Structures are given as C-alpha cells and as structure tokens.
Amino acid sequence: MLKSHIMIAFGLLLMLIYGLRLLTGFSLSDGFGLGDAYLLGGLGLAGALMWSGWRERRYARSIQQQES
C-alpha cells in the first residue's frame, strides 16, 4: 500500500510544480509555445501518475479484503 501512496504524493508534487509554472509563465499575448506544451505534458504525466497510484491503491485494498 506504500507504493500507491508514494505514487499519489509524487503525482501531487509534480502537479503543483508544473501547475504553478504554467500559471506564472502562461501569457495569451505570446500565444501557445513549446514551453507551454512542455508544462501541459508535465501536468498530464502527473495526472497519469496519480491515476495509476489510485488504481494500485484500490487493487491492494481488494486483495486485502479477499484475504480476510
């Protein structure tokens, strides 16, 4: 169960970092650039990491309940 918590926590940390960088660096006057695509990709990666951690947590709980 620790693996899922680490994945979720790391995903939250990445989402916070990339989200803040995107908010501070995003400008509508400059248009959409490569840096914005990089930051959106980082947010996507963080979301995927959190989602897989959540799935791992649900799987570990189901295994634990079946053993009881």
N, C-alpha and C. Protein backbone atom coordinates (compact mmCIF):
# COMPACT_ATOMS: atom_id res chain seq x y z
N MET A 1 0.82 -1.18 0.00
CA MET A 1 0.00 0.00 0.00
C MET A 1 0.88 1.26 0.00
N LEU A 2 2.12 1.11 0.42
CA LEU A 2 3.01 2.26 0.47
C LEU A 2 3.36 2.75 -0.93
N LYS A 3 3.46 1.82 -1.88
CA LYS A 3 3.79 2.19 -3.25
C LYS A 3 2.75 3.14 -3.82
N SER A 4 1.48 2.87 -3.57
CA SER A 4 0.42 3.73 -4.10
C SER A 4 0.46 5.11 -3.45
N HIS A 5 0.75 5.17 -2.18
CA HIS A 5 0.83 6.47 -1.50
C HIS A 5 1.99 7.30 -2.05
N ILE A 6 3.10 6.66 -2.32
CA ILE A 6 4.26 7.37 -2.88
C ILE A 6 3.93 7.88 -4.28
N MET A 7 3.26 7.07 -5.07
CA MET A 7 2.90 7.49 -6.43
C MET A 7 1.94 8.67 -6.40
N ILE A 8 0.95 8.62 -5.53
CA ILE A 8 -0.02 9.72 -5.43
C ILE A 8 0.66 10.99 -4.92
N ALA A 9 1.51 10.85 -3.90
CA ALA A 9 2.20 12.02 -3.36
C ALA A 9 3.15 12.64 -4.39
N PHE A 10 3.87 11.81 -5.12
CA PHE A 10 4.77 12.32 -6.15
C PHE A 10 3.99 12.98 -7.28
N GLY A 11 2.84 12.40 -7.63
CA GLY A 11 1.98 13.00 -8.65
C GLY A 11 1.44 14.35 -8.22
N LEU A 12 1.05 14.47 -6.95
CA LEU A 12 0.57 15.76 -6.43
C LEU A 12 1.68 16.80 -6.45
N LEU A 13 2.89 16.37 -6.08
CA LEU A 13 4.02 17.30 -6.09
C LEU A 13 4.32 17.78 -7.51
N LEU A 14 4.34 16.86 -8.46
CA LEU A 14 4.57 17.25 -9.85
C LEU A 14 3.47 18.16 -10.37
N MET A 15 2.21 17.86 -10.01
CA MET A 15 1.11 18.68 -10.46
C MET A 15 1.22 20.10 -9.88
N LEU A 16 1.64 20.20 -8.65
CA LEU A 16 1.82 21.52 -8.04
C LEU A 16 2.93 22.30 -8.74
N ILE A 17 4.05 21.65 -8.99
CA ILE A 17 5.18 22.33 -9.63
C ILE A 17 4.83 22.77 -11.05
N TYR A 18 4.33 21.83 -11.85
CA TYR A 18 4.02 22.17 -13.24
C TYR A 18 2.84 23.14 -13.33
N GLY A 19 1.87 23.00 -12.43
CA GLY A 19 0.72 23.92 -12.44
C GLY A 19 1.13 25.34 -12.11
N LEU A 20 1.98 25.51 -11.11
CA LEU A 20 2.44 26.85 -10.76
C LEU A 20 3.30 27.46 -11.85
N ARG A 21 4.16 26.64 -12.45
CA ARG A 21 5.00 27.15 -13.55
C ARG A 21 4.14 27.54 -14.75
N LEU A 22 3.07 26.78 -14.99
CA LEU A 22 2.18 27.10 -16.10
C LEU A 22 1.41 28.38 -15.81
N LEU A 23 0.95 28.55 -14.58
CA LEU A 23 0.20 29.76 -14.23
C LEU A 23 1.06 31.00 -14.29
N THR A 24 2.30 30.89 -13.84
CA THR A 24 3.16 32.08 -13.84
C THR A 24 3.74 32.38 -15.21
N GLY A 25 3.90 31.37 -16.05
CA GLY A 25 4.54 31.60 -17.33
C GLY A 25 3.58 31.71 -18.50
N PHE A 26 2.30 31.44 -18.28
CA PHE A 26 1.34 31.45 -19.38
C PHE A 26 0.92 32.87 -19.71
N SER A 27 0.98 33.21 -20.97
CA SER A 27 0.58 34.53 -21.43
C SER A 27 -0.18 34.38 -22.74
N LEU A 28 -1.36 34.96 -22.80
CA LEU A 28 -2.17 34.86 -24.01
C LEU A 28 -1.59 35.71 -25.15
N SER A 29 -0.85 36.74 -24.81
CA SER A 29 -0.31 37.61 -25.85
C SER A 29 0.81 36.93 -26.64
N ASP A 30 1.55 36.04 -26.00
CA ASP A 30 2.64 35.33 -26.68
C ASP A 30 2.14 34.16 -27.51
N GLY A 31 0.97 33.68 -27.23
CA GLY A 31 0.46 32.50 -27.93
C GLY A 31 0.90 31.22 -27.24
N PHE A 32 0.62 30.12 -27.88
CA PHE A 32 0.94 28.81 -27.33
C PHE A 32 2.28 28.35 -27.89
N GLY A 33 3.25 28.17 -27.01
CA GLY A 33 4.59 27.81 -27.46
C GLY A 33 5.02 26.43 -26.99
N LEU A 34 6.25 26.13 -27.26
CA LEU A 34 6.82 24.84 -26.89
C LEU A 34 6.92 24.69 -25.37
N GLY A 35 7.20 25.79 -24.69
CA GLY A 35 7.27 25.74 -23.23
C GLY A 35 5.93 25.42 -22.60
N ASP A 36 4.86 25.95 -23.18
CA ASP A 36 3.52 25.65 -22.67
C ASP A 36 3.16 24.18 -22.92
N ALA A 37 3.56 23.67 -24.06
CA ALA A 37 3.31 22.25 -24.36
C ALA A 37 4.08 21.36 -23.39
N TYR A 38 5.29 21.76 -23.05
CA TYR A 38 6.10 21.02 -22.07
C TYR A 38 5.41 20.98 -20.71
N LEU A 39 4.89 22.13 -20.28
CA LEU A 39 4.23 22.20 -18.99
C LEU A 39 2.91 21.43 -18.98
N LEU A 40 2.17 21.48 -20.06
CA LEU A 40 0.93 20.69 -20.15
C LEU A 40 1.24 19.19 -20.17
N GLY A 41 2.32 18.82 -20.81
CA GLY A 41 2.75 17.42 -20.79
C GLY A 41 3.14 16.98 -19.39
N GLY A 42 3.77 17.87 -18.65
CA GLY A 42 4.12 17.56 -17.25
C GLY A 42 2.88 17.37 -16.40
N LEU A 43 1.87 18.20 -16.65
CA LEU A 43 0.60 18.03 -15.92
C LEU A 43 -0.06 16.70 -16.29
N GLY A 44 0.02 16.35 -17.56
CA GLY A 44 -0.53 15.06 -17.98
C GLY A 44 0.20 13.89 -17.35
N LEU A 45 1.51 14.00 -17.28
CA LEU A 45 2.31 12.96 -16.64
C LEU A 45 1.98 12.84 -15.15
N ALA A 46 1.82 13.98 -14.49
CA ALA A 46 1.47 13.96 -13.07
C ALA A 46 0.09 13.35 -12.86
N GLY A 47 -0.85 13.68 -13.74
CA GLY A 47 -2.18 13.09 -13.64
C GLY A 47 -2.17 11.59 -13.86
N ALA A 48 -1.36 11.13 -14.80
CA ALA A 48 -1.25 9.70 -15.06
C ALA A 48 -0.62 8.98 -13.86
N LEU A 49 0.34 9.61 -13.25
CA LEU A 49 0.99 9.02 -12.07
C LEU A 49 0.01 8.92 -10.91
N MET A 50 -0.78 9.97 -10.69
CA MET A 50 -1.78 9.93 -9.63
C MET A 50 -2.85 8.89 -9.92
N TRP A 51 -3.28 8.80 -11.17
CA TRP A 51 -4.32 7.85 -11.53
C TRP A 51 -3.85 6.41 -11.35
N SER A 52 -2.61 6.12 -11.75
CA SER A 52 -2.09 4.77 -11.58
C SER A 52 -1.88 4.44 -10.10
N GLY A 53 -1.50 5.43 -9.30
CA GLY A 53 -1.38 5.22 -7.86
C GLY A 53 -2.72 4.93 -7.22
N TRP A 54 -3.75 5.62 -7.69
CA TRP A 54 -5.10 5.39 -7.17
C TRP A 54 -5.59 3.99 -7.53
N ARG A 55 -5.31 3.56 -8.77
CA ARG A 55 -5.69 2.21 -9.20
C ARG A 55 -4.94 1.15 -8.39
N GLU A 56 -3.67 1.39 -8.13
CA GLU A 56 -2.87 0.46 -7.32
C GLU A 56 -3.44 0.37 -5.91
N ARG A 57 -3.88 1.49 -5.37
CA ARG A 57 -4.44 1.51 -4.02
C ARG A 57 -5.74 0.72 -3.96
N ARG A 58 -6.60 0.90 -4.96
CA ARG A 58 -7.85 0.15 -5.00
C ARG A 58 -7.58 -1.35 -5.16
N TYR A 59 -6.61 -1.71 -5.98
CA TYR A 59 -6.25 -3.12 -6.18
C TYR A 59 -5.72 -3.72 -4.88
N ALA A 60 -4.87 -3.00 -4.17
CA ALA A 60 -4.31 -3.51 -2.91
C ALA A 60 -5.41 -3.69 -1.87
N ARG A 61 -6.37 -2.78 -1.85
CA ARG A 61 -7.48 -2.92 -0.90
C ARG A 61 -8.35 -4.12 -1.23
N SER A 62 -8.59 -4.37 -2.51
CA SER A 62 -9.43 -5.51 -2.89
C SER A 62 -8.73 -6.82 -2.54
N ILE A 63 -7.42 -6.88 -2.74
CA ILE A 63 -6.66 -8.08 -2.36
C ILE A 63 -6.72 -8.29 -0.85
N GLN A 64 -6.60 -7.21 -0.10
CA GLN A 64 -6.62 -7.28 1.36
C GLN A 64 -7.98 -7.75 1.86
N GLN A 65 -9.06 -7.31 1.24
CA GLN A 65 -10.40 -7.70 1.66
C GLN A 65 -10.67 -9.16 1.29
N GLN A 66 -10.12 -9.63 0.19
CA GLN A 66 -10.34 -11.02 -0.21
C GLN A 66 -9.61 -11.98 0.72
N GLU A 67 -8.49 -11.57 1.28
CA GLU A 67 -7.73 -12.41 2.19
C GLU A 67 -8.42 -12.52 3.55
N SER A 68 -9.18 -11.52 3.94
CA SER A 68 -9.82 -11.52 5.26
C SER A 68 -11.02 -12.43 5.31
